[in-house]
Amino acid sequence: MKTLVFVQTVPQVEAAARDFRNLVEPKPVTLTDDDHVLHRIAVEEMGGASFCYLKLEVDGSFAGGAVSHHSLLLREERLLHENPF
């Protein structure tokens, strides 16, 4: 099941995505080659993976269970957050 949660501010969006991980055991999401391209562009634009909103596992998958979606995302980040879900 997929659920969309609306909140008012970017900090609340980030907190909701972070806290969701504590409520359920997230299943890993395997990203496509196109998703990895978007992630590489975002990493380059942001100056490093640590500055991106989406944190990937060592194997390149995403295991957070929830992602944020707000106006501060780069275009590539927004697309990356939308694609797997």
PDB file of N, CA and C in Angstrom:
ATOM      1  N   MET A   1       0.835  -1.156   0.000  1.00  0.00           N
ATOM      2  CA  MET A   1       0.000   0.000   0.000  1.00  0.00           C
ATOM      3  C   MET A   1       0.897   1.243   0.000  1.00  0.00           C
ATOM      4  N   LYS A   2       0.504   2.220  -0.763  1.00  0.00           N
ATOM      5  CA  LYS A   2       1.210   3.489  -0.801  1.00  0.00           C
ATOM      6  C   LYS A   2       0.329   4.554  -0.185  1.00  0.00           C
ATOM      7  N   THR A   3       0.938   5.415   0.607  1.00  0.00           N
ATOM      8  CA  THR A   3       0.196   6.467   1.281  1.00  0.00           C
ATOM      9  C   THR A   3       0.880   7.794   1.032  1.00  0.00           C
ATOM     10  N   LEU A   4       0.115   8.816   0.789  1.00  0.00           N
ATOM     11  CA  LEU A   4       0.622  10.166   0.587  1.00  0.00           C
ATOM     12  C   LEU A   4       0.214  11.001   1.789  1.00  0.00           C
ATOM     13  N   VAL A   5       1.197  11.642   2.436  1.00  0.00           N
ATOM     14  CA  VAL A   5       0.942  12.449   3.624  1.00  0.00           C
ATOM     15  C   VAL A   5       1.326  13.890   3.312  1.00  0.00           C
ATOM     16  N   PHE A   6       0.424  14.815   3.578  1.00  0.00           N
ATOM     17  CA  PHE A   6       0.696  16.227   3.355  1.00  0.00           C
ATOM     18  C   PHE A   6       0.990  16.903   4.695  1.00  0.00           C
ATOM     19  N   VAL A   7       2.044  17.703   4.711  1.00  0.00           N
ATOM     20  CA  VAL A   7       2.376  18.511   5.887  1.00  0.00           C
ATOM     21  C   VAL A   7       2.722  19.913   5.406  1.00  0.00           C
ATOM     22  N   GLN A   8       2.850  20.867   6.344  1.00  0.00           N
ATOM     23  CA  GLN A   8       2.943  22.261   5.943  1.00  0.00           C
ATOM     24  C   GLN A   8       4.346  22.773   5.642  1.00  0.00           C
ATOM     25  N   THR A   9       5.376  22.242   6.265  1.00  0.00           N
ATOM     26  CA  THR A   9       6.706  22.811   6.086  1.00  0.00           C
ATOM     27  C   THR A   9       7.723  21.751   5.696  1.00  0.00           C
ATOM     28  N   VAL A  10       8.832  22.181   5.120  1.00  0.00           N
ATOM     29  CA  VAL A  10       9.895  21.255   4.722  1.00  0.00           C
ATOM     30  C   VAL A  10      10.426  20.481   5.936  1.00  0.00           C
ATOM     31  N   PRO A  11      10.695  21.124   7.074  1.00  0.00           N
ATOM     32  CA  PRO A  11      11.149  20.342   8.233  1.00  0.00           C
ATOM     33  C   PRO A  11      10.144  19.264   8.658  1.00  0.00           C
ATOM     34  N   GLN A  12       8.843  19.573   8.557  1.00  0.00           N
ATOM     35  CA  GLN A  12       7.838  18.567   8.897  1.00  0.00           C
ATOM     36  C   GLN A  12       7.828  17.431   7.881  1.00  0.00           C
ATOM     37  N   VAL A  13       8.061  17.754   6.608  1.00  0.00           N
ATOM     38  CA  VAL A  13       8.141  16.712   5.568  1.00  0.00           C
ATOM     39  C   VAL A  13       9.296  15.773   5.882  1.00  0.00           C
ATOM     40  N   GLU A  14      10.456  16.347   6.157  1.00  0.00           N
ATOM     41  CA  GLU A  14      11.636  15.532   6.452  1.00  0.00           C
ATOM     42  C   GLU A  14      11.426  14.697   7.713  1.00  0.00           C
ATOM     43  N   ALA A  15      10.818  15.280   8.728  1.00  0.00           N
ATOM     44  CA  ALA A  15      10.553  14.544   9.968  1.00  0.00           C
ATOM     45  C   ALA A  15       9.571  13.400   9.728  1.00  0.00           C
ATOM     46  N   ALA A  16       8.543  13.642   8.931  1.00  0.00           N
ATOM     47  CA  ALA A  16       7.555  12.595   8.646  1.00  0.00           C
ATOM     48  C   ALA A  16       8.209  11.425   7.912  1.00  0.00           C
ATOM     49  N   ALA A  17       9.041  11.719   6.922  1.00  0.00           N
ATOM     50  CA  ALA A  17       9.725  10.655   6.178  1.00  0.00           C
ATOM     51  C   ALA A  17      10.678   9.894   7.098  1.00  0.00           C
ATOM     52  N   ARG A  18      11.400  10.617   7.947  1.00  0.00           N
ATOM     53  CA  ARG A  18      12.344   9.986   8.876  1.00  0.00           C
ATOM     54  C   ARG A  18      11.600   9.123   9.897  1.00  0.00           C
ATOM     55  N   ASP A  19      10.531   9.662  10.472  1.00  0.00           N
ATOM     56  CA  ASP A  19       9.802   8.942  11.511  1.00  0.00           C
ATOM     57  C   ASP A  19       9.069   7.719  10.969  1.00  0.00           C
ATOM     58  N   PHE A  20       8.654   7.762   9.725  1.00  0.00           N
ATOM     59  CA  PHE A  20       7.967   6.620   9.112  1.00  0.00           C
ATOM     60  C   PHE A  20       8.838   5.371   9.177  1.00  0.00           C
ATOM     61  N   ARG A  21      10.139   5.563   9.003  1.00  0.00           N
ATOM     62  CA  ARG A  21      11.072   4.427   9.021  1.00  0.00           C
ATOM     63  C   ARG A  21      11.052   3.694  10.351  1.00  0.00           C
ATOM     64  N   ASN A  22      10.650   4.385  11.409  1.00  0.00           N
ATOM     65  CA  ASN A  22      10.584   3.756  12.730  1.00  0.00           C
ATOM     66  C   ASN A  22       9.271   3.023  12.965  1.00  0.00           C
ATOM     67  N   LEU A  23       8.296   3.224  12.093  1.00  0.00           N
ATOM     68  CA  LEU A  23       6.979   2.617  12.281  1.00  0.00           C
ATOM     69  C   LEU A  23       6.825   1.267  11.593  1.00  0.00           C
ATOM     70  N   VAL A  24       7.523   1.086  10.500  1.00  0.00           N
ATOM     71  CA  VAL A  24       7.419  -0.158   9.735  1.00  0.00           C
ATOM     72  C   VAL A  24       8.817  -0.612   9.331  1.00  0.00           C
ATOM     73  N   GLU A  25       8.914  -1.868   8.980  1.00  0.00           N
ATOM     74  CA  GLU A  25      10.183  -2.368   8.462  1.00  0.00           C
ATOM     75  C   GLU A  25      10.192  -2.110   6.955  1.00  0.00           C
ATOM     76  N   PRO A  26      10.983  -1.120   6.520  1.00  0.00           N
ATOM     77  CA  PRO A  26      10.973  -0.769   5.100  1.00  0.00           C
ATOM     78  C   PRO A  26      11.568  -1.879   4.234  1.00  0.00           C
ATOM     79  N   LYS A  27      10.969  -2.068   3.092  1.00  0.00           N
ATOM     80  CA  LYS A  27      11.487  -3.019   2.120  1.00  0.00           C
ATOM     81  C   LYS A  27      12.411  -2.265   1.156  1.00  0.00           C
ATOM     82  N   PRO A  28      13.541  -2.871   0.799  1.00  0.00           N
ATOM     83  CA  PRO A  28      14.441  -2.172  -0.123  1.00  0.00           C
ATOM     84  C   PRO A  28      13.807  -1.990  -1.500  1.00  0.00           C
ATOM     85  N   VAL A  29      14.083  -0.839  -2.092  1.00  0.00           N
ATOM     86  CA  VAL A  29      13.600  -0.516  -3.430  1.00  0.00           C
ATOM     87  C   VAL A  29      14.813  -0.479  -4.347  1.00  0.00           C
ATOM     88  N   THR A  30      14.785  -1.316  -5.378  1.00  0.00           N
ATOM     89  CA  THR A  30      15.872  -1.327  -6.350  1.00  0.00           C
ATOM     90  C   THR A  30      15.632  -0.224  -7.362  1.00  0.00           C
ATOM     91  N   LEU A  31      16.602   0.651  -7.498  1.00  0.00           N
ATOM     92  CA  LEU A  31      16.474   1.758  -8.439  1.00  0.00           C
ATOM     93  C   LEU A  31      16.836   1.310  -9.849  1.00  0.00           C
ATOM     94  N   THR A  32      16.212   1.919 -10.822  1.00  0.00           N
ATOM     95  CA  THR A  32      16.518   1.627 -12.221  1.00  0.00           C
ATOM     96  C   THR A  32      17.795   2.364 -12.623  1.00  0.00           C
ATOM     97  N   ASP A  33      18.304   2.040 -13.801  1.00  0.00           N
ATOM     98  CA  ASP A  33      19.471   2.755 -14.318  1.00  0.00           C
ATOM     99  C   ASP A  33      19.164   4.241 -14.459  1.00  0.00           C
ATOM    100  N   ASP A  34      17.956   4.563 -14.909  1.00  0.00           N
ATOM    101  CA  ASP A  34      17.565   5.970 -15.035  1.00  0.00           C
ATOM    102  C   ASP A  34      17.534   6.666 -13.673  1.00  0.00           C
ATOM    103  N   ASP A  35      17.080   5.951 -12.644  1.00  0.00           N
ATOM    104  CA  ASP A  35      17.069   6.515 -11.294  1.00  0.00           C
ATOM    105  C   ASP A  35      18.488   6.808 -10.821  1.00  0.00           C
ATOM    106  N   HIS A  36      19.404   5.896 -11.127  1.00  0.00           N
ATOM    107  CA  HIS A  36      20.800   6.105 -10.722  1.00  0.00           C
ATOM    108  C   HIS A  36      21.410   7.305 -11.447  1.00  0.00           C
ATOM    109  N   VAL A  37      21.018   7.517 -12.695  1.00  0.00           N
ATOM    110  CA  VAL A  37      21.485   8.707 -13.420  1.00  0.00           C
ATOM    111  C   VAL A  37      20.984   9.961 -12.727  1.00  0.00           C
ATOM    112  N   LEU A  38      19.704   9.986 -12.357  1.00  0.00           N
ATOM    113  CA  LEU A  38      19.144  11.135 -11.641  1.00  0.00           C
ATOM    114  C   LEU A  38      19.872  11.361 -10.321  1.00  0.00           C
ATOM    115  N   HIS A  39      20.166  10.281  -9.616  1.00  0.00           N
ATOM    116  CA  HIS A  39      20.872  10.400  -8.346  1.00  0.00           C
ATOM    117  C   HIS A  39      22.280  10.966  -8.563  1.00  0.00           C
ATOM    118  N   ARG A  40      22.990  10.484  -9.567  1.00  0.00           N
ATOM    119  CA  ARG A  40      24.340  11.003  -9.844  1.00  0.00           C
ATOM    120  C   ARG A  40      24.301  12.493 -10.167  1.00  0.00           C
ATOM    121  N   ILE A  41      23.313  12.917 -10.934  1.00  0.00           N
ATOM    122  CA  ILE A  41      23.179  14.347 -11.261  1.00  0.00           C
ATOM    123  C   ILE A  41      22.919  15.148  -9.985  1.00  0.00           C
ATOM    124  N   ALA A  42      22.013  14.662  -9.145  1.00  0.00           N
ATOM    125  CA  ALA A  42      21.706  15.361  -7.893  1.00  0.00           C
ATOM    126  C   ALA A  42      22.937  15.441  -6.998  1.00  0.00           C
ATOM    127  N   VAL A  43      23.684  14.353  -6.900  1.00  0.00           N
ATOM    128  CA  VAL A  43      24.905  14.338  -6.082  1.00  0.00           C
ATOM    129  C   VAL A  43      25.893  15.370  -6.600  1.00  0.00           C
ATOM    130  N   GLU A  44      26.055  15.414  -7.906  1.00  0.00           N
ATOM    131  CA  GLU A  44      26.982  16.378  -8.506  1.00  0.00           C
ATOM    132  C   GLU A  44      26.521  17.814  -8.254  1.00  0.00           C
ATOM    133  N   GLU A  45      25.238  18.069  -8.453  1.00  0.00           N
ATOM    134  CA  GLU A  45      24.702  19.418  -8.265  1.00  0.00           C
ATOM    135  C   GLU A  45      24.783  19.868  -6.798  1.00  0.00           C
ATOM    136  N   MET A  46      24.561  18.935  -5.878  1.00  0.00           N
ATOM    137  CA  MET A  46      24.543  19.282  -4.458  1.00  0.00           C
ATOM    138  C   MET A  46      25.940  19.320  -3.840  1.00  0.00           C
ATOM    139  N   GLY A  47      26.923  18.727  -4.513  1.00  0.00           N
ATOM    140  CA  GLY A  47      28.279  18.731  -3.979  1.00  0.00           C
ATOM    141  C   GLY A  47      28.612  17.518  -3.133  1.00  0.00           C
ATOM    142  N   GLY A  48      27.807  16.473  -3.229  1.00  0.00           N
ATOM    143  CA  GLY A  48      28.067  15.238  -2.500  1.00  0.00           C
ATOM    144  C   GLY A  48      26.782  14.553  -2.090  1.00  0.00           C
ATOM    145  N   ALA A  49      26.865  13.242  -1.925  1.00  0.00           N
ATOM    146  CA  ALA A  49      25.684  12.448  -1.583  1.00  0.00           C
ATOM    147  C   ALA A  49      25.123  12.820  -0.210  1.00  0.00           C
ATOM    148  N   SER A  50      25.978  13.273   0.679  1.00  0.00           N
ATOM    149  CA  SER A  50      25.508  13.607   2.029  1.00  0.00           C
ATOM    150  C   SER A  50      24.578  14.815   2.042  1.00  0.00           C
ATOM    151  N   PHE A  51      24.580  15.597   0.960  1.00  0.00           N
ATOM    152  CA  PHE A  51      23.721  16.780   0.888  1.00  0.00           C
ATOM    153  C   PHE A  51      22.380  16.490   0.199  1.00  0.00           C
ATOM    154  N   CYS A  52      22.218  15.289  -0.333  1.00  0.00           N
ATOM    155  CA  CYS A  52      20.979  14.909  -1.007  1.00  0.00           C
ATOM    156  C   CYS A  52      19.959  14.416   0.011  1.00  0.00           C
ATOM    157  N   TYR A  53      18.693  14.584  -0.305  1.00  0.00           N
ATOM    158  CA  TYR A  53      17.638  14.146   0.599  1.00  0.00           C
ATOM    159  C   TYR A  53      17.489  12.630   0.609  1.00  0.00           C
ATOM    160  N   LEU A  54      17.702  11.982  -0.526  1.00  0.00           N
ATOM    161  CA  LEU A  54      17.550  10.528  -0.621  1.00  0.00           C
ATOM    162  C   LEU A  54      18.890   9.866  -0.327  1.00  0.00           C
ATOM    163  N   LYS A  55      18.935   9.069   0.725  1.00  0.00           N
ATOM    164  CA  LYS A  55      20.146   8.364   1.129  1.00  0.00           C
ATOM    165  C   LYS A  55      20.069   6.927   0.634  1.00  0.00           C
ATOM    166  N   LEU A  56      21.007   6.543  -0.222  1.00  0.00           N
ATOM    167  CA  LEU A  56      21.029   5.192  -0.766  1.00  0.00           C
ATOM    168  C   LEU A  56      21.889   4.281   0.090  1.00  0.00           C
ATOM    169  N   GLU A  57      21.575   2.990   0.031  1.00  0.00           N
ATOM    170  CA  GLU A  57      22.381   1.979   0.706  1.00  0.00           C
ATOM    171  C   GLU A  57      23.673   1.778  -0.087  1.00  0.00           C
ATOM    172  N   VAL A  58      24.609   1.046   0.486  1.00  0.00           N
ATOM    173  CA  VAL A  58      25.898   0.790  -0.169  1.00  0.00           C
ATOM    174  C   VAL A  58      25.700   0.102  -1.522  1.00  0.00           C
ATOM    175  N   ASP A  59      24.685  -0.765  -1.621  1.00  0.00           N
ATOM    176  CA  ASP A  59      24.442  -1.485  -2.874  1.00  0.00           C
ATOM    177  C   ASP A  59      23.653  -0.660  -3.895  1.00  0.00           C
ATOM    178  N   GLY A  60      23.341   0.598  -3.558  1.00  0.00           N
ATOM    179  CA  GLY A  60      22.632   1.471  -4.493  1.00  0.00           C
ATOM    180  C   GLY A  60      21.126   1.410  -4.395  1.00  0.00           C
ATOM    181  N   SER A  61      20.593   0.615  -3.472  1.00  0.00           N
ATOM    182  CA  SER A  61      19.140   0.538  -3.294  1.00  0.00           C
ATOM    183  C   SER A  61      18.709   1.589  -2.264  1.00  0.00           C
ATOM    184  N   PHE A  62      17.397   1.754  -2.143  1.00  0.00           N
ATOM    185  CA  PHE A  62      16.841   2.665  -1.138  1.00  0.00           C
ATOM    186  C   PHE A  62      16.013   1.839  -0.178  1.00  0.00           C
ATOM    187  N   ALA A  63      16.275   1.969   1.113  1.00  0.00           N
ATOM    188  CA  ALA A  63      15.566   1.159   2.096  1.00  0.00           C
ATOM    189  C   ALA A  63      14.860   2.000   3.144  1.00  0.00           C
ATOM    190  N   GLY A  64      14.518   3.231   2.824  1.00  0.00           N
ATOM    191  CA  GLY A  64      13.913   4.107   3.818  1.00  0.00           C
ATOM    192  C   GLY A  64      12.423   3.932   3.998  1.00  0.00           C
ATOM    193  N   GLY A  65      11.730   3.432   2.993  1.00  0.00           N
ATOM    194  CA  GLY A  65      10.293   3.248   3.103  1.00  0.00           C
ATOM    195  C   GLY A  65       9.468   4.483   2.795  1.00  0.00           C
ATOM    196  N   ALA A  66      10.068   5.664   2.921  1.00  0.00           N
ATOM    197  CA  ALA A  66       9.357   6.915   2.646  1.00  0.00           C
ATOM    198  C   ALA A  66      10.360   7.939   2.135  1.00  0.00           C
ATOM    199  N   VAL A  67       9.900   8.789   1.256  1.00  0.00           N
ATOM    200  CA  VAL A  67      10.751   9.870   0.754  1.00  0.00           C
ATOM    201  C   VAL A  67      10.011  11.193   0.901  1.00  0.00           C
ATOM    202  N   SER A  68      10.789  12.251   0.977  1.00  0.00           N
ATOM    203  CA  SER A  68      10.195  13.574   1.062  1.00  0.00           C
ATOM    204  C   SER A  68       9.918  14.111  -0.334  1.00  0.00           C
ATOM    205  N   HIS A  69       9.010  15.074  -0.404  1.00  0.00           N
ATOM    206  CA  HIS A  69       8.692  15.712  -1.681  1.00  0.00           C
ATOM    207  C   HIS A  69       8.285  17.138  -1.369  1.00  0.00           C
ATOM    208  N   HIS A  70       9.151  18.078  -1.714  1.00  0.00           N
ATOM    209  CA  HIS A  70       8.894  19.475  -1.365  1.00  0.00           C
ATOM    210  C   HIS A  70       9.602  20.401  -2.343  1.00  0.00           C
ATOM    211  N   SER A  71       9.399  21.679  -2.172  1.00  0.00           N
ATOM    212  CA  SER A  71       9.874  22.676  -3.140  1.00  0.00           C
ATOM    213  C   SER A  71      11.378  22.878  -3.141  1.00  0.00           C
ATOM    214  N   LEU A  72      12.102  22.378  -2.151  1.00  0.00           N
ATOM    215  CA  LEU A  72      13.551  22.552  -2.126  1.00  0.00           C
ATOM    216  C   LEU A  72      14.298  21.473  -2.907  1.00  0.00           C
ATOM    217  N   LEU A  73      13.585  20.477  -3.408  1.00  0.00           N
ATOM    218  CA  LEU A  73      14.228  19.422  -4.183  1.00  0.00           C
ATOM    219  C   LEU A  73      14.674  19.952  -5.539  1.00  0.00           C
ATOM    220  N   LEU A  74      15.852  19.513  -5.965  1.00  0.00           N
ATOM    221  CA  LEU A  74      16.258  19.768  -7.347  1.00  0.00           C
ATOM    222  C   LEU A  74      15.314  19.008  -8.272  1.00  0.00           C
ATOM    223  N   ARG A  75      15.247  19.420  -9.517  1.00  0.00           N
ATOM    224  CA  ARG A  75      14.376  18.733 -10.488  1.00  0.00           C
ATOM    225  C   ARG A  75      14.691  17.239 -10.523  1.00  0.00           C
ATOM    226  N   GLU A  76      15.985  16.903 -10.587  1.00  0.00           N
ATOM    227  CA  GLU A  76      16.390  15.492 -10.652  1.00  0.00           C
ATOM    228  C   GLU A  76      16.024  14.749  -9.371  1.00  0.00           C
ATOM    229  N   GLU A  77      16.173  15.416  -8.242  1.00  0.00           N
ATOM    230  CA  GLU A  77      15.789  14.780  -6.983  1.00  0.00           C
ATOM    231  C   GLU A  77      14.292  14.519  -6.947  1.00  0.00           C
ATOM    232  N   ARG A  78      13.507  15.480  -7.386  1.00  0.00           N
ATOM    233  CA  ARG A  78      12.049  15.319  -7.393  1.00  0.00           C
ATOM    234  C   ARG A  78      11.660  14.117  -8.249  1.00  0.00           C
ATOM    235  N   LEU A  79      12.232  14.030  -9.435  1.00  0.00           N
ATOM    236  CA  LEU A  79      11.939  12.894 -10.318  1.00  0.00           C
ATOM    237  C   LEU A  79      12.377  11.576  -9.675  1.00  0.00           C
ATOM    238  N   LEU A  80      13.544  11.600  -9.043  1.00  0.00           N
ATOM    239  CA  LEU A  80      14.055  10.406  -8.381  1.00  0.00           C
ATOM    240  C   LEU A  80      13.136   9.979  -7.243  1.00  0.00           C
ATOM    241  N   HIS A  81      12.600  10.922  -6.505  1.00  0.00           N
ATOM    242  CA  HIS A  81      11.709  10.594  -5.402  1.00  0.00           C
ATOM    243  C   HIS A  81      10.364  10.065  -5.897  1.00  0.00           C
ATOM    244  N   GLU A  82       9.945  10.512  -7.064  1.00  0.00           N
ATOM    245  CA  GLU A  82       8.653  10.081  -7.605  1.00  0.00           C
ATOM    246  C   GLU A  82       8.731   8.729  -8.311  1.00  0.00           C
ATOM    247  N   ASN A  83       9.808   8.452  -9.007  1.00  0.00           N
ATOM    248  CA  ASN A  83       9.891   7.265  -9.872  1.00  0.00           C
ATOM    249  C   ASN A  83       9.646   5.936  -9.178  1.00  0.00           C
ATOM    250  N   PRO A  84      10.331   5.618  -8.085  1.00  0.00           N
ATOM    251  CA  PRO A  84      10.143   4.283  -7.491  1.00  0.00           C
ATOM    252  C   PRO A  84       8.784   4.090  -6.842  1.00  0.00           C
ATOM    253  N   PHE A  85       8.069   5.174  -6.595  1.00  0.00           N
ATOM    254  CA  PHE A  85       6.830   5.052  -5.837  1.00  0.00           C
ATOM    255  C   PHE A  85       5.640   5.363  -6.711  1.00  0.00           C
TER     256      PHE A  85
END
